[in-house]
All heavy atoms as atom14 arrays in JSON, in Angstrom:
{
  "sequence": "RWQDFNFNAETKVRFNPKTYQAMAGLTNYYNHQHYSWIFITWNEL",
  "atom14_mask": [
    [1, 1, 1, 1, 1, 1, 1, 1, 1, 1, 1, 0, 0, 0],
    [1, 1, 1, 1, 1, 1, 1, 1, 1, 1, 1, 1, 1, 1],
    [1, 1, 1, 1, 1, 1, 1, 1, 1, 0, 0, 0, 0, 0],
    [1, 1, 1, 1, 1, 1, 1, 1, 0, 0, 0, 0, 0, 0],
    [1, 1, 1, 1, 1, 1, 1, 1, 1, 1, 1, 0, 0, 0],
    [1, 1, 1, 1, 1, 1, 1, 1, 0, 0, 0, 0, 0, 0],
    [1, 1, 1, 1, 1, 1, 1, 1, 1, 1, 1, 0, 0, 0],
    [1, 1, 1, 1, 1, 1, 1, 1, 0, 0, 0, 0, 0, 0],
    [1, 1, 1, 1, 1, 0, 0, 0, 0, 0, 0, 0, 0, 0],
    [1, 1, 1, 1, 1, 1, 1, 1, 1, 0, 0, 0, 0, 0],
    [1, 1, 1, 1, 1, 1, 1, 0, 0, 0, 0, 0, 0, 0],
    [1, 1, 1, 1, 1, 1, 1, 1, 1, 0, 0, 0, 0, 0],
    [1, 1, 1, 1, 1, 1, 1, 0, 0, 0, 0, 0, 0, 0],
    [1, 1, 1, 1, 1, 1, 1, 1, 1, 1, 1, 0, 0, 0],
    [1, 1, 1, 1, 1, 1, 1, 1, 1, 1, 1, 0, 0, 0],
    [1, 1, 1, 1, 1, 1, 1, 1, 0, 0, 0, 0, 0, 0],
    [1, 1, 1, 1, 1, 1, 1, 0, 0, 0, 0, 0, 0, 0],
    [1, 1, 1, 1, 1, 1, 1, 1, 1, 0, 0, 0, 0, 0],
    [1, 1, 1, 1, 1, 1, 1, 0, 0, 0, 0, 0, 0, 0],
    [1, 1, 1, 1, 1, 1, 1, 1, 1, 1, 1, 1, 0, 0],
    [1, 1, 1, 1, 1, 1, 1, 1, 1, 0, 0, 0, 0, 0],
    [1, 1, 1, 1, 1, 0, 0, 0, 0, 0, 0, 0, 0, 0],
    [1, 1, 1, 1, 1, 1, 1, 1, 0, 0, 0, 0, 0, 0],
    [1, 1, 1, 1, 1, 0, 0, 0, 0, 0, 0, 0, 0, 0],
    [1, 1, 1, 1, 0, 0, 0, 0, 0, 0, 0, 0, 0, 0],
    [1, 1, 1, 1, 1, 1, 1, 1, 0, 0, 0, 0, 0, 0],
    [1, 1, 1, 1, 1, 1, 1, 0, 0, 0, 0, 0, 0, 0],
    [1, 1, 1, 1, 1, 1, 1, 1, 0, 0, 0, 0, 0, 0],
    [1, 1, 1, 1, 1, 1, 1, 1, 1, 1, 1, 1, 0, 0],
    [1, 1, 1, 1, 1, 1, 1, 1, 1, 1, 1, 1, 0, 0],
    [1, 1, 1, 1, 1, 1, 1, 1, 0, 0, 0, 0, 0, 0],
    [1, 1, 1, 1, 1, 1, 1, 1, 1, 1, 0, 0, 0, 0],
    [1, 1, 1, 1, 1, 1, 1, 1, 1, 0, 0, 0, 0, 0],
    [1, 1, 1, 1, 1, 1, 1, 1, 1, 1, 0, 0, 0, 0],
    [1, 1, 1, 1, 1, 1, 1, 1, 1, 1, 1, 1, 0, 0],
    [1, 1, 1, 1, 1, 1, 0, 0, 0, 0, 0, 0, 0, 0],
    [1, 1, 1, 1, 1, 1, 1, 1, 1, 1, 1, 1, 1, 1],
    [1, 1, 1, 1, 1, 1, 1, 1, 0, 0, 0, 0, 0, 0],
    [1, 1, 1, 1, 1, 1, 1, 1, 1, 1, 1, 0, 0, 0],
    [1, 1, 1, 1, 1, 1, 1, 1, 0, 0, 0, 0, 0, 0],
    [1, 1, 1, 1, 1, 1, 1, 0, 0, 0, 0, 0, 0, 0],
    [1, 1, 1, 1, 1, 1, 1, 1, 1, 1, 1, 1, 1, 1],
    [1, 1, 1, 1, 1, 1, 1, 1, 0, 0, 0, 0, 0, 0],
    [1, 1, 1, 1, 1, 1, 1, 1, 1, 0, 0, 0, 0, 0],
    [1, 1, 1, 1, 1, 1, 1, 1, 0, 0, 0, 0, 0, 0]
  ],
  "atom14_positions": [
    [[0.81, -1.21, 0.0], [0.0, 0.0, 0.0], [0.86, 1.27, 0.0], [1.92, 1.32, 0.62], [-0.87, 0.04, 1.27], [-2.02, -0.93, 1.27], [-2.48, -1.22, 2.69], [-3.69, -2.03, 2.65], [-3.71, -3.33, 2.35], [-2.57, -3.97, 2.06], [-4.85, -3.99, 2.33], [0.0, 0.0, 0.0], [0.0, 0.0, 0.0], [0.0, 0.0, 0.0]],
    [[0.34, 2.31, -0.68], [0.81, 3.66, -0.38], [0.28, 4.0, 1.01], [-0.93, 3.93, 1.26], [0.23, 4.67, -1.36], [0.77, 4.68, -2.74], [1.53, 3.73, -3.37], [0.57, 5.73, -3.71], [1.81, 4.1, -4.66], [1.23, 5.33, -4.9], [-0.1, 6.94, -3.7], [1.23, 6.12, -6.06], [-0.11, 7.72, -4.84], [0.55, 7.32, -6.01]],
    [[1.16, 4.36, 1.93], [0.71, 4.8, 3.25], [1.11, 6.23, 3.55], [0.81, 6.74, 4.64], [1.3, 3.87, 4.33], [0.67, 2.48, 4.32], [1.15, 1.63, 5.48], [2.24, 1.07, 5.45], [0.35, 1.57, 6.53], [0.0, 0.0, 0.0], [0.0, 0.0, 0.0], [0.0, 0.0, 0.0], [0.0, 0.0, 0.0], [0.0, 0.0, 0.0]],
    [[1.76, 6.88, 2.61], [2.26, 8.24, 2.81], [2.06, 9.03, 1.52], [2.19, 8.5, 0.42], [3.75, 8.19, 3.15], [4.03, 7.32, 4.35], [3.99, 7.84, 5.48], [4.29, 6.11, 4.16], [0.0, 0.0, 0.0], [0.0, 0.0, 0.0], [0.0, 0.0, 0.0], [0.0, 0.0, 0.0], [0.0, 0.0, 0.0], [0.0, 0.0, 0.0]],
    [[1.78, 10.31, 1.68], [1.66, 11.16, 0.51], [3.01, 11.38, -0.16], [3.08, 11.58, -1.38], [1.05, 12.51, 0.89], [-0.41, 12.43, 1.26], [-0.84, 12.76, 2.53], [-1.35, 12.03, 0.33], [-2.18, 12.7, 2.87], [-2.7, 11.96, 0.65], [-3.11, 12.3, 1.94], [0.0, 0.0, 0.0], [0.0, 0.0, 0.0], [0.0, 0.0, 0.0]],
    [[4.09, 11.35, 0.63], [5.43, 11.59, 0.12], [6.31, 10.4, 0.48], [6.55, 10.12, 1.66], [6.01, 12.86, 0.72], [5.15, 14.08, 0.42], [5.09, 14.55, -0.7], [4.46, 14.57, 1.45], [0.0, 0.0, 0.0], [0.0, 0.0, 0.0], [0.0, 0.0, 0.0], [0.0, 0.0, 0.0], [0.0, 0.0, 0.0], [0.0, 0.0, 0.0]],
    [[6.78, 9.69, -0.53], [7.64, 8.54, -0.29], [8.49, 8.27, -1.53], [8.19, 8.71, -2.63], [6.82, 7.3, 0.09], [6.01, 6.71, -1.04], [6.56, 5.78, -1.91], [4.68, 7.08, -1.23], [5.81, 5.24, -2.96], [3.93, 6.54, -2.27], [4.49, 5.61, -3.14], [0.0, 0.0, 0.0], [0.0, 0.0, 0.0], [0.0, 0.0, 0.0]],
    [[9.56, 7.51, -1.3], [10.37, 6.94, -2.37], [10.27, 5.43, -2.3], [10.21, 4.86, -1.2], [11.85, 7.33, -2.23], [12.1, 8.81, -2.41], [11.29, 9.52, -2.98], [13.22, 9.28, -1.91], [0.0, 0.0, 0.0], [0.0, 0.0, 0.0], [0.0, 0.0, 0.0], [0.0, 0.0, 0.0], [0.0, 0.0, 0.0], [0.0, 0.0, 0.0]],
    [[10.27, 4.79, -3.45], [10.34, 3.32, -3.5], [11.3, 2.95, -4.62], [11.3, 3.58, -5.68], [8.97, 2.71, -3.73], [0.0, 0.0, 0.0], [0.0, 0.0, 0.0], [0.0, 0.0, 0.0], [0.0, 0.0, 0.0], [0.0, 0.0, 0.0], [0.0, 0.0, 0.0], [0.0, 0.0, 0.0], [0.0, 0.0, 0.0], [0.0, 0.0, 0.0]],
    [[12.11, 1.93, -4.36], [13.09, 1.55, -5.39], [13.36, 0.06, -5.36], [13.05, -0.64, -4.38], [14.39, 2.32, -5.21], [15.15, 2.01, -3.94], [16.44, 2.8, -3.85], [16.39, 4.05, -3.93], [17.51, 2.16, -3.71], [0.0, 0.0, 0.0], [0.0, 0.0, 0.0], [0.0, 0.0, 0.0], [0.0, 0.0, 0.0], [0.0, 0.0, 0.0]],
    [[13.96, -0.4, -6.45], [14.3, -1.8, -6.58], [15.48, -1.95, -7.55], [15.86, -1.0, -8.24], [13.11, -2.64, -7.07], [13.41, -4.04, -6.94], [12.77, -2.34, -8.52], [0.0, 0.0, 0.0], [0.0, 0.0, 0.0], [0.0, 0.0, 0.0], [0.0, 0.0, 0.0], [0.0, 0.0, 0.0], [0.0, 0.0, 0.0], [0.0, 0.0, 0.0]],
    [[16.02, -3.15, -7.57], [17.12, -3.52, -8.46], [16.7, -4.81, -9.16], [16.38, -5.8, -8.5], [18.4, -3.72, -7.65], [19.61, -4.25, -8.4], [20.75, -4.48, -7.39], [21.97, -5.1, -8.05], [23.03, -5.41, -7.03], [0.0, 0.0, 0.0], [0.0, 0.0, 0.0], [0.0, 0.0, 0.0], [0.0, 0.0, 0.0], [0.0, 0.0, 0.0]],
    [[16.71, -4.81, -10.49], [16.13, -5.94, -11.22], [17.08, -6.44, -12.31], [17.77, -5.66, -12.97], [14.75, -5.56, -11.83], [14.86, -4.37, -12.76], [14.11, -6.76, -12.52], [0.0, 0.0, 0.0], [0.0, 0.0, 0.0], [0.0, 0.0, 0.0], [0.0, 0.0, 0.0], [0.0, 0.0, 0.0], [0.0, 0.0, 0.0], [0.0, 0.0, 0.0]],
    [[17.06, -7.76, -12.47], [17.79, -8.44, -13.55], [16.76, -9.1, -14.45], [15.95, -9.9, -14.01], [18.73, -9.49, -12.94], [19.5, -10.3, -13.96], [20.52, -11.19, -13.24], [19.87, -12.1, -12.31], [20.5, -12.69, -11.28], [21.76, -12.43, -11.04], [19.84, -13.52, -10.49], [0.0, 0.0, 0.0], [0.0, 0.0, 0.0], [0.0, 0.0, 0.0]],
    [[16.8, -8.73, -15.75], [15.77, -9.21, -16.67], [16.34, -9.18, -18.08], [16.98, -8.2, -18.48], [14.53, -8.3, -16.57], [13.33, -8.77, -17.34], [12.75, -10.01, -17.08], [12.75, -7.95, -18.3], [11.62, -10.43, -17.78], [11.62, -8.36, -18.99], [11.05, -9.61, -18.74], [0.0, 0.0, 0.0], [0.0, 0.0, 0.0], [0.0, 0.0, 0.0]],
    [[16.13, -10.24, -18.83], [16.72, -10.34, -20.17], [15.64, -10.7, -21.19], [15.53, -11.84, -21.64], [17.83, -11.39, -20.16], [18.61, -11.41, -21.47], [18.66, -10.42, -22.19], [19.21, -12.55, -21.78], [0.0, 0.0, 0.0], [0.0, 0.0, 0.0], [0.0, 0.0, 0.0], [0.0, 0.0, 0.0], [0.0, 0.0, 0.0], [0.0, 0.0, 0.0]],
    [[14.82, -9.72, -21.59], [13.73, -10.0, -22.53], [14.24, -10.17, -23.95], [15.25, -9.6, -24.36], [12.86, -8.76, -22.41], [13.84, -7.67, -22.1], [14.87, -8.29, -21.21], [0.0, 0.0, 0.0], [0.0, 0.0, 0.0], [0.0, 0.0, 0.0], [0.0, 0.0, 0.0], [0.0, 0.0, 0.0], [0.0, 0.0, 0.0], [0.0, 0.0, 0.0]],
    [[13.52, -10.94, -24.72], [13.83, -11.14, -26.14], [12.68, -10.67, -27.04], [12.72, -10.84, -28.25], [14.09, -12.62, -26.41], [15.23, -13.22, -25.58], [16.57, -12.54, -25.87], [17.7, -13.22, -25.09], [18.99, -12.53, -25.26], [0.0, 0.0, 0.0], [0.0, 0.0, 0.0], [0.0, 0.0, 0.0], [0.0, 0.0, 0.0], [0.0, 0.0, 0.0]],
    [[11.66, -10.1, -26.43], [10.48, -9.65, -27.16], [9.84, -8.49, -26.42], [9.96, -8.37, -25.19], [9.45, -10.79, -27.3], [8.21, -10.25, -27.8], [9.17, -11.46, -25.98], [0.0, 0.0, 0.0], [0.0, 0.0, 0.0], [0.0, 0.0, 0.0], [0.0, 0.0, 0.0], [0.0, 0.0, 0.0], [0.0, 0.0, 0.0], [0.0, 0.0, 0.0]],
    [[9.17, -7.61, -27.15], [8.43, -6.51, -26.53], [7.25, -7.01, -25.7], [6.66, -6.26, -24.92], [7.95, -5.52, -27.6], [7.05, -6.13, -28.65], [5.7, -6.32, -28.44], [7.6, -6.52, -29.88], [4.9, -6.9, -29.41], [6.79, -7.1, -30.85], [5.45, -7.29, -30.62], [4.64, -7.87, -31.58], [0.0, 0.0, 0.0], [0.0, 0.0, 0.0]],
    [[6.91, -8.29, -25.85], [5.81, -8.86, -25.06], [6.25, -9.23, -23.64], [5.42, -9.63, -22.83], [5.26, -10.09, -25.77], [4.6, -9.75, -27.11], [4.12, -10.97, -27.85], [4.73, -12.05, -27.76], [3.04, -10.83, -28.6], [0.0, 0.0, 0.0], [0.0, 0.0, 0.0], [0.0, 0.0, 0.0], [0.0, 0.0, 0.0], [0.0, 0.0, 0.0]],
    [[7.55, -9.07, -23.35], [8.09, -9.35, -22.02], [8.51, -8.03, -21.37], [9.22, -7.22, -21.99], [9.28, -10.3, -22.11], [0.0, 0.0, 0.0], [0.0, 0.0, 0.0], [0.0, 0.0, 0.0], [0.0, 0.0, 0.0], [0.0, 0.0, 0.0], [0.0, 0.0, 0.0], [0.0, 0.0, 0.0], [0.0, 0.0, 0.0], [0.0, 0.0, 0.0]],
    [[8.1, -7.81, -20.11], [8.34, -6.56, -19.4], [8.49, -6.87, -17.91], [7.82, -7.76, -17.39], [7.16, -5.6, -19.59], [6.91, -5.17, -21.03], [5.21, -4.59, -21.32], [4.44, -6.16, -21.78], [0.0, 0.0, 0.0], [0.0, 0.0, 0.0], [0.0, 0.0, 0.0], [0.0, 0.0, 0.0], [0.0, 0.0, 0.0], [0.0, 0.0, 0.0]],
    [[9.34, -6.11, -17.2], [9.48, -6.28, -15.76], [10.0, -4.99, -15.15], [10.9, -4.36, -15.71], [10.43, -7.44, -15.43], [0.0, 0.0, 0.0], [0.0, 0.0, 0.0], [0.0, 0.0, 0.0], [0.0, 0.0, 0.0], [0.0, 0.0, 0.0], [0.0, 0.0, 0.0], [0.0, 0.0, 0.0], [0.0, 0.0, 0.0], [0.0, 0.0, 0.0]],
    [[9.42, -4.6, -13.99], [9.89, -3.38, -13.36], [9.09, -2.99, -12.14], [8.53, -3.84, -11.44], [0.0, 0.0, 0.0], [0.0, 0.0, 0.0], [0.0, 0.0, 0.0], [0.0, 0.0, 0.0], [0.0, 0.0, 0.0], [0.0, 0.0, 0.0], [0.0, 0.0, 0.0], [0.0, 0.0, 0.0], [0.0, 0.0, 0.0], [0.0, 0.0, 0.0]],
    [[9.03, -1.67, -11.92], [8.44, -1.07, -10.72], [7.16, -0.36, -11.11], [7.15, 0.46, -12.04], [9.45, -0.08, -10.12], [9.05, 0.68, -8.87], [8.94, -0.26, -7.67], [10.1, 1.77, -8.58], [0.0, 0.0, 0.0], [0.0, 0.0, 0.0], [0.0, 0.0, 0.0], [0.0, 0.0, 0.0], [0.0, 0.0, 0.0], [0.0, 0.0, 0.0]],
    [[6.07, -0.63, -10.38], [4.77, -0.09, -10.75], [4.1, 0.66, -9.61], [4.24, 0.3, -8.44], [3.82, -1.2, -11.24], [2.54, -0.63, -11.59], [3.61, -2.25, -10.17], [0.0, 0.0, 0.0], [0.0, 0.0, 0.0], [0.0, 0.0, 0.0], [0.0, 0.0, 0.0], [0.0, 0.0, 0.0], [0.0, 0.0, 0.0], [0.0, 0.0, 0.0]],
    [[3.37, 1.72, -9.95], [2.38, 2.34, -9.08], [1.02, 1.94, -9.64], [0.72, 2.24, -10.8], [2.54, 3.86, -9.06], [3.76, 4.29, -8.27], [3.8, 4.18, -7.05], [4.78, 4.79, -8.97], [0.0, 0.0, 0.0], [0.0, 0.0, 0.0], [0.0, 0.0, 0.0], [0.0, 0.0, 0.0], [0.0, 0.0, 0.0], [0.0, 0.0, 0.0]],
    [[0.21, 1.29, -8.81], [-0.93, 0.53, -9.34], [-2.17, 0.78, -8.49], [-2.12, 0.71, -7.26], [-0.56, -0.95, -9.31], [-1.58, -1.9, -9.91], [-1.48, -2.33, -11.22], [-2.63, -2.38, -9.14], [-2.42, -3.21, -11.77], [-3.57, -3.26, -9.67], [-3.46, -3.67, -10.99], [-4.37, -4.53, -11.51], [0.0, 0.0, 0.0], [0.0, 0.0, 0.0]],
    [[-3.28, 1.07, -9.15], [-4.59, 1.1, -8.47], [-5.42, -0.11, -8.89], [-5.82, -0.91, -8.07], [-5.35, 2.39, -8.79], [-6.61, 2.52, -7.94], [-6.61, 3.34, -6.82], [-7.76, 1.82, -8.25], [-7.74, 3.43, -6.02], [-8.89, 1.91, -7.46], [-8.89, 2.71, -6.34], [-10.0, 2.79, -5.55], [0.0, 0.0, 0.0], [0.0, 0.0, 0.0]],
    [[-5.68, -0.22, -10.18], [-6.35, -1.42, -10.71], [-5.95, -1.59, -12.17], [-5.09, -0.88, -12.68], [-7.87, -1.36, -10.5], [-8.55, -0.25, -11.29], [-8.0, 0.3, -12.25], [-9.77, 0.09, -10.9], [0.0, 0.0, 0.0], [0.0, 0.0, 0.0], [0.0, 0.0, 0.0], [0.0, 0.0, 0.0], [0.0, 0.0, 0.0], [0.0, 0.0, 0.0]],
    [[-6.6, -2.54, -12.83], [-6.19, -2.9, -14.18], [-6.34, -1.78, -15.19], [-5.73, -1.81, -16.27], [-6.98, -4.12, -14.65], [-8.46, -3.87, -14.77], [-9.27, -3.64, -13.69], [-9.26, -3.81, -15.86], [-10.51, -3.44, -14.09], [-10.54, -3.54, -15.41], [0.0, 0.0, 0.0], [0.0, 0.0, 0.0], [0.0, 0.0, 0.0], [0.0, 0.0, 0.0]],
    [[-7.16, -0.78, -14.87], [-7.34, 0.34, -15.8], [-6.59, 1.6, -15.37], [-6.58, 2.59, -16.1], [-8.83, 0.67, -15.94], [-9.61, -0.4, -16.69], [-11.0, 0.07, -17.09], [-11.45, 1.14, -16.68], [-11.68, -0.72, -17.89], [0.0, 0.0, 0.0], [0.0, 0.0, 0.0], [0.0, 0.0, 0.0], [0.0, 0.0, 0.0], [0.0, 0.0, 0.0]],
    [[-5.98, 1.57, -14.2], [-5.33, 2.76, -13.67], [-4.0, 2.36, -13.01], [-3.98, 1.9, -11.86], [-6.22, 3.45, -12.64], [-7.58, 3.81, -13.17], [-8.62, 2.9, -13.22], [-8.06, 4.97, -13.69], [-9.69, 3.5, -13.75], [-9.36, 4.75, -14.04], [0.0, 0.0, 0.0], [0.0, 0.0, 0.0], [0.0, 0.0, 0.0], [0.0, 0.0, 0.0]],
    [[-2.91, 2.53, -13.75], [-1.59, 2.22, -13.21], [-0.54, 2.85, -14.11], [-0.82, 3.32, -15.22], [-1.36, 0.7, -13.12], [-1.34, -0.04, -14.44], [-0.17, -0.14, -15.2], [-2.5, -0.65, -14.94], [-0.16, -0.81, -16.42], [-2.49, -1.33, -16.16], [-1.32, -1.4, -16.88], [-1.3, -2.06, -18.09], [0.0, 0.0, 0.0], [0.0, 0.0, 0.0]],
    [[0.7, 2.84, -13.63], [1.84, 3.21, -14.46], [3.02, 2.37, -14.01], [2.99, 1.75, -12.94], [2.18, 4.7, -14.31], [2.69, 4.97, -13.03], [0.0, 0.0, 0.0], [0.0, 0.0, 0.0], [0.0, 0.0, 0.0], [0.0, 0.0, 0.0], [0.0, 0.0, 0.0], [0.0, 0.0, 0.0], [0.0, 0.0, 0.0], [0.0, 0.0, 0.0]],
    [[4.07, 2.34, -14.83], [5.28, 1.63, -14.41], [6.47, 2.01, -15.26], [6.33, 2.53, -16.37], [5.05, 0.13, -14.39], [4.68, -0.61, -15.66], [3.98, -0.15, -16.74], [4.99, -1.97, -15.94], [3.82, -1.15, -17.67], [4.43, -2.29, -17.2], [5.67, -2.98, -15.26], [4.53, -3.53, -17.79], [5.77, -4.24, -15.83], [5.2, -4.51, -17.08]],
    [[7.65, 1.78, -14.68], [8.92, 1.86, -15.39], [9.45, 0.43, -15.46], [9.44, -0.3, -14.47], [9.91, 2.81, -14.69], [11.2, 2.92, -15.52], [10.19, 2.4, -13.24], [12.13, 4.03, -15.03], [0.0, 0.0, 0.0], [0.0, 0.0, 0.0], [0.0, 0.0, 0.0], [0.0, 0.0, 0.0], [0.0, 0.0, 0.0], [0.0, 0.0, 0.0]],
    [[9.92, 0.03, -16.65], [10.22, -1.39, -16.82], [11.26, -1.62, -17.91], [11.5, -0.78, -18.78], [8.94, -2.16, -17.14], [8.18, -1.67, -18.34], [8.36, -2.23, -19.6], [7.25, -0.64, -18.21], [7.65, -1.77, -20.7], [6.54, -0.17, -19.3], [6.74, -0.74, -20.56], [0.0, 0.0, 0.0], [0.0, 0.0, 0.0], [0.0, 0.0, 0.0]],
    [[11.88, -2.79, -17.81], [12.75, -3.28, -18.87], [11.91, -4.04, -19.88], [11.05, -4.84, -19.5], [13.82, -4.22, -18.29], [14.7, -3.51, -17.27], [14.69, -4.81, -19.41], [15.63, -4.45, -16.51], [0.0, 0.0, 0.0], [0.0, 0.0, 0.0], [0.0, 0.0, 0.0], [0.0, 0.0, 0.0], [0.0, 0.0, 0.0], [0.0, 0.0, 0.0]],
    [[12.14, -3.79, -21.15], [11.5, -4.55, -22.2], [12.49, -4.63, -23.38], [13.69, -4.45, -23.21], [10.15, -3.93, -22.6], [9.48, -4.81, -23.53], [10.29, -2.56, -23.2], [0.0, 0.0, 0.0], [0.0, 0.0, 0.0], [0.0, 0.0, 0.0], [0.0, 0.0, 0.0], [0.0, 0.0, 0.0], [0.0, 0.0, 0.0], [0.0, 0.0, 0.0]],
    [[12.01, -4.88, -24.56], [12.85, -5.07, -25.76], [12.18, -4.35, -26.92], [10.95, -4.32, -27.02], [12.98, -6.56, -26.04], [13.77, -6.94, -27.26], [15.09, -7.29, -27.3], [13.29, -7.04, -28.6], [15.48, -7.59, -28.58], [14.38, -7.44, -29.42], [12.05, -6.83, -29.22], [14.27, -7.64, -30.78], [11.95, -7.0, -30.59], [13.04, -7.4, -31.35]],
    [[13.0, -3.76, -27.78], [12.44, -3.28, -29.05], [13.39, -3.58, -30.2], [14.54, -4.0, -29.99], [12.05, -1.8, -28.98], [13.24, -0.86, -28.94], [14.37, -1.2, -29.31], [12.99, 0.37, -28.47], [0.0, 0.0, 0.0], [0.0, 0.0, 0.0], [0.0, 0.0, 0.0], [0.0, 0.0, 0.0], [0.0, 0.0, 0.0], [0.0, 0.0, 0.0]],
    [[12.91, -3.38, -31.4], [13.65, -3.77, -32.59], [14.86, -2.88, -32.84], [15.8, -3.3, -33.55], [12.73, -3.72, -33.82], [11.57, -4.7, -33.8], [10.34, -4.18, -33.05], [10.47, -3.12, -32.37], [9.28, -4.83, -33.11], [0.0, 0.0, 0.0], [0.0, 0.0, 0.0], [0.0, 0.0, 0.0], [0.0, 0.0, 0.0], [0.0, 0.0, 0.0]],
    [[14.89, -1.69, -32.28], [15.98, -0.75, -32.53], [17.21, -1.03, -31.67], [18.35, -1.0, -32.16], [15.51, 0.68, -32.29], [14.41, 1.2, -33.23], [13.99, 2.6, -32.81], [14.92, 1.21, -34.67], [0.0, 0.0, 0.0], [0.0, 0.0, 0.0], [0.0, 0.0, 0.0], [0.0, 0.0, 0.0], [0.0, 0.0, 0.0], [0.0, 0.0, 0.0]]
  ]
}
């Protein structure tokens, strides 16, 4: 849960995707229609 109006949260992740369909990272989440995240993924470039 968010329990504070002002906070930091962090993590360290190891992830080796081979497709844009694979993603992993840190999320701020309310429900399936309301969330955001920063994540590792893959693209063609």
